Amino acid sequence: MKPNKRKTFSDAEKAALLKSYQNSEKMKKQWCEENAIGLSTLHRWLRQEKNTITPQPLQCWVPVVSALPEQFNSLENNASTR
């Protein structure tokens, strides 16, 4: 009996293969057969790619300056005038 030898892929190889899959218009099963990649391996790679933390854009706060006259700047002032 032959021992099952598992192929390991570097991060660069995985990225190239995922890009190749995403650029192809083939079904997952067909692409996997043509590239000698297990379907479950492709599913795991896609899930890992989806779950990678993408940096969130920084929030930039912008100061707001009211252009209204002083009498309209405060809700308290409006409530007391009623």
N, C-alpha and C. Protein backbone atom coordinates (compact mmCIF):
# COMPACT_ATOMS: atom_id res chain seq x y z
N MET A 1 0.83 -1.19 0.00
CA MET A 1 0.00 0.00 0.00
C MET A 1 0.87 1.25 0.00
N LYS A 2 0.46 2.22 -0.76
CA LYS A 2 1.14 3.51 -0.79
C LYS A 2 0.69 4.35 0.39
N PRO A 3 1.60 5.02 1.03
CA PRO A 3 1.15 5.95 2.07
C PRO A 3 0.53 7.18 1.42
N ASN A 4 -0.53 7.67 2.04
CA ASN A 4 -1.17 8.88 1.54
C ASN A 4 -0.29 10.07 1.86
N LYS A 5 0.20 10.69 0.84
CA LYS A 5 1.04 11.86 1.02
C LYS A 5 0.20 13.09 0.72
N ARG A 6 0.04 13.94 1.69
CA ARG A 6 -0.77 15.14 1.52
C ARG A 6 0.09 16.26 1.00
N LYS A 7 -0.43 16.97 0.05
CA LYS A 7 0.26 18.13 -0.52
C LYS A 7 -0.02 19.32 0.37
N THR A 8 1.00 20.04 0.70
CA THR A 8 0.80 21.28 1.45
C THR A 8 1.10 22.45 0.52
N PHE A 9 0.36 23.51 0.69
CA PHE A 9 0.48 24.68 -0.16
C PHE A 9 0.93 25.87 0.67
N SER A 10 1.82 26.65 0.11
CA SER A 10 2.24 27.88 0.79
C SER A 10 1.10 28.89 0.67
N ASP A 11 1.18 29.95 1.44
CA ASP A 11 0.17 31.00 1.36
C ASP A 11 0.11 31.61 -0.04
N ALA A 12 1.28 31.76 -0.66
CA ALA A 12 1.32 32.33 -2.02
C ALA A 12 0.65 31.39 -3.02
N GLU A 13 0.88 30.08 -2.86
CA GLU A 13 0.24 29.10 -3.75
C GLU A 13 -1.27 29.12 -3.57
N LYS A 14 -1.70 29.16 -2.31
CA LYS A 14 -3.15 29.20 -2.03
C LYS A 14 -3.78 30.43 -2.66
N ALA A 15 -3.12 31.58 -2.48
CA ALA A 15 -3.66 32.82 -3.03
C ALA A 15 -3.75 32.76 -4.55
N ALA A 16 -2.73 32.20 -5.19
CA ALA A 16 -2.74 32.08 -6.65
C ALA A 16 -3.84 31.13 -7.11
N LEU A 17 -4.00 30.02 -6.40
CA LEU A 17 -5.05 29.05 -6.77
C LEU A 17 -6.44 29.64 -6.55
N LEU A 18 -6.63 30.34 -5.44
CA LEU A 18 -7.94 30.97 -5.20
C LEU A 18 -8.25 32.01 -6.26
N LYS A 19 -7.25 32.79 -6.63
CA LYS A 19 -7.46 33.79 -7.68
C LYS A 19 -7.81 33.10 -9.00
N SER A 20 -7.12 32.00 -9.28
CA SER A 20 -7.39 31.24 -10.50
C SER A 20 -8.83 30.72 -10.49
N TYR A 21 -9.27 30.19 -9.34
CA TYR A 21 -10.65 29.69 -9.25
C TYR A 21 -11.64 30.84 -9.43
N GLN A 22 -11.40 31.95 -8.75
CA GLN A 22 -12.34 33.07 -8.80
C GLN A 22 -12.41 33.70 -10.18
N ASN A 23 -11.33 33.63 -10.94
CA ASN A 23 -11.33 34.18 -12.30
C ASN A 23 -11.92 33.20 -13.31
N SER A 24 -11.98 31.93 -12.94
CA SER A 24 -12.56 30.95 -13.86
C SER A 24 -14.08 31.01 -13.73
N GLU A 25 -14.74 30.54 -14.73
CA GLU A 25 -16.21 30.49 -14.67
C GLU A 25 -16.67 29.06 -14.50
N LYS A 26 -15.81 28.23 -13.94
CA LYS A 26 -16.10 26.81 -13.80
C LYS A 26 -16.77 26.53 -12.47
N MET A 27 -17.48 25.42 -12.46
CA MET A 27 -18.07 24.94 -11.21
C MET A 27 -16.93 24.48 -10.29
N LYS A 28 -17.17 24.56 -8.99
CA LYS A 28 -16.14 24.19 -8.02
C LYS A 28 -15.60 22.79 -8.27
N LYS A 29 -16.49 21.84 -8.45
CA LYS A 29 -16.07 20.44 -8.62
C LYS A 29 -15.19 20.28 -9.85
N GLN A 30 -15.58 20.89 -10.96
CA GLN A 30 -14.81 20.78 -12.20
C GLN A 30 -13.43 21.43 -12.03
N TRP A 31 -13.41 22.62 -11.43
CA TRP A 31 -12.14 23.31 -11.24
C TRP A 31 -11.22 22.50 -10.34
N CYS A 32 -11.76 21.92 -9.28
CA CYS A 32 -10.96 21.12 -8.36
C CYS A 32 -10.36 19.90 -9.06
N GLU A 33 -11.16 19.23 -9.87
CA GLU A 33 -10.65 18.06 -10.60
C GLU A 33 -9.52 18.44 -11.54
N GLU A 34 -9.68 19.57 -12.24
CA GLU A 34 -8.66 20.00 -13.19
C GLU A 34 -7.38 20.46 -12.51
N ASN A 35 -7.47 20.91 -11.26
CA ASN A 35 -6.31 21.44 -10.55
C ASN A 35 -5.82 20.51 -9.44
N ALA A 36 -6.37 19.31 -9.37
CA ALA A 36 -5.98 18.31 -8.37
C ALA A 36 -6.06 18.86 -6.95
N ILE A 37 -7.13 19.56 -6.68
CA ILE A 37 -7.40 20.11 -5.35
C ILE A 37 -8.69 19.47 -4.86
N GLY A 38 -8.70 19.04 -3.62
CA GLY A 38 -9.91 18.47 -3.06
C GLY A 38 -10.99 19.53 -2.90
N LEU A 39 -12.22 19.14 -3.17
CA LEU A 39 -13.34 20.08 -3.05
C LEU A 39 -13.44 20.63 -1.63
N SER A 40 -13.23 19.77 -0.65
CA SER A 40 -13.28 20.25 0.74
C SER A 40 -12.14 21.23 1.03
N THR A 41 -11.01 21.04 0.38
CA THR A 41 -9.89 21.96 0.55
C THR A 41 -10.25 23.33 0.00
N LEU A 42 -10.85 23.36 -1.20
CA LEU A 42 -11.28 24.63 -1.78
C LEU A 42 -12.30 25.31 -0.88
N HIS A 43 -13.25 24.54 -0.37
CA HIS A 43 -14.26 25.12 0.53
C HIS A 43 -13.59 25.72 1.77
N ARG A 44 -12.61 25.01 2.33
CA ARG A 44 -11.92 25.51 3.52
C ARG A 44 -11.17 26.80 3.20
N TRP A 45 -10.48 26.84 2.07
CA TRP A 45 -9.73 28.03 1.67
C TRP A 45 -10.67 29.21 1.47
N LEU A 46 -11.80 28.97 0.82
CA LEU A 46 -12.77 30.05 0.60
C LEU A 46 -13.34 30.57 1.92
N ARG A 47 -13.62 29.65 2.83
CA ARG A 47 -14.14 30.04 4.15
C ARG A 47 -13.09 30.84 4.91
N GLN A 48 -11.84 30.38 4.86
CA GLN A 48 -10.76 31.10 5.55
C GLN A 48 -10.57 32.49 4.96
N GLU A 49 -10.66 32.59 3.63
CA GLU A 49 -10.51 33.89 2.99
C GLU A 49 -11.64 34.82 3.41
N LYS A 50 -12.83 34.29 3.49
CA LYS A 50 -13.99 35.09 3.89
C LYS A 50 -13.86 35.56 5.34
N ASN A 51 -13.29 34.71 6.18
CA ASN A 51 -13.20 35.03 7.60
C ASN A 51 -11.97 35.83 7.99
N THR A 52 -11.09 36.09 7.03
CA THR A 52 -9.91 36.89 7.37
C THR A 52 -10.37 38.28 7.75
N ILE A 53 -9.71 38.83 8.69
CA ILE A 53 -10.09 40.16 9.18
C ILE A 53 -9.59 41.20 8.19
N THR A 54 -10.53 41.94 7.67
CA THR A 54 -10.16 43.02 6.77
C THR A 54 -10.15 44.31 7.59
N PRO A 55 -9.14 45.11 7.42
CA PRO A 55 -9.09 46.35 8.20
C PRO A 55 -10.26 47.26 7.87
N GLN A 56 -10.87 47.78 8.90
CA GLN A 56 -11.99 48.69 8.73
C GLN A 56 -11.45 50.09 8.42
N PRO A 57 -12.15 50.82 7.59
CA PRO A 57 -11.68 52.18 7.31
C PRO A 57 -11.74 53.03 8.58
N LEU A 58 -10.79 53.92 8.69
CA LEU A 58 -10.77 54.80 9.86
C LEU A 58 -11.94 55.76 9.81
N GLN A 59 -12.51 56.00 10.97
CA GLN A 59 -13.59 56.97 11.04
C GLN A 59 -12.99 58.35 11.20
N CYS A 60 -13.38 59.24 10.36
CA CYS A 60 -12.90 60.61 10.44
C CYS A 60 -14.07 61.48 10.87
N TRP A 61 -13.95 62.02 12.06
CA TRP A 61 -15.00 62.88 12.57
C TRP A 61 -14.80 64.28 12.01
N VAL A 62 -15.89 64.87 11.62
CA VAL A 62 -15.85 66.21 11.04
C VAL A 62 -16.60 67.15 11.96
N PRO A 63 -16.00 68.28 12.32
CA PRO A 63 -16.72 69.21 13.19
C PRO A 63 -17.92 69.81 12.44
N VAL A 64 -19.00 69.98 13.18
CA VAL A 64 -20.21 70.55 12.60
C VAL A 64 -20.42 71.92 13.22
N VAL A 65 -20.56 72.89 12.36
CA VAL A 65 -20.78 74.26 12.82
C VAL A 65 -22.16 74.68 12.35
N SER A 66 -22.95 75.15 13.29
CA SER A 66 -24.30 75.57 12.96
C SER A 66 -24.29 76.92 12.28
N ALA A 67 -25.07 77.03 11.23
CA ALA A 67 -25.18 78.31 10.52
C ALA A 67 -26.45 79.03 10.94
N LEU A 68 -27.18 78.48 11.91
CA LEU A 68 -28.42 79.09 12.36
C LEU A 68 -28.14 80.16 13.42
N PRO A 69 -29.04 81.09 13.58
CA PRO A 69 -28.87 82.10 14.64
C PRO A 69 -28.84 81.43 16.01
N GLU A 70 -28.27 82.11 16.99
CA GLU A 70 -28.11 81.57 18.34
C GLU A 70 -29.41 81.05 18.92
N GLN A 71 -30.51 81.67 18.64
CA GLN A 71 -31.77 81.27 19.26
C GLN A 71 -32.20 79.87 18.83
N PHE A 72 -31.69 79.35 17.72
CA PHE A 72 -32.06 78.02 17.25
C PHE A 72 -30.99 76.97 17.50
N ASN A 73 -29.91 77.31 18.16
CA ASN A 73 -28.80 76.38 18.35
C ASN A 73 -29.08 75.32 19.41
N SER A 74 -29.97 75.52 20.31
CA SER A 74 -30.17 74.60 21.41
C SER A 74 -31.60 74.09 21.43
N LEU A 75 -31.74 72.81 21.70
CA LEU A 75 -33.08 72.24 21.85
C LEU A 75 -33.75 72.80 23.11
N GLU A 76 -32.94 73.06 24.14
CA GLU A 76 -33.49 73.62 25.37
C GLU A 76 -34.10 74.98 25.11
N ASN A 77 -33.46 75.79 24.33
CA ASN A 77 -34.00 77.11 24.01
C ASN A 77 -35.32 76.99 23.26
N ASN A 78 -35.39 76.05 22.34
CA ASN A 78 -36.61 75.85 21.57
C ASN A 78 -37.75 75.37 22.45
N ALA A 79 -37.43 74.49 23.39
CA ALA A 79 -38.47 73.94 24.27
C ALA A 79 -38.99 75.00 25.22
N SER A 80 -38.14 75.88 25.68
CA SER A 80 -38.56 76.88 26.65
C SER A 80 -39.36 78.00 25.99
N THR A 81 -39.24 78.18 24.69
CA THR A 81 -39.97 79.25 24.02
C THR A 81 -41.40 78.83 23.69
N ARG A 82 -41.73 77.60 23.90
CA ARG A 82 -43.10 77.14 23.56
C ARG A 82 -44.06 77.39 24.64
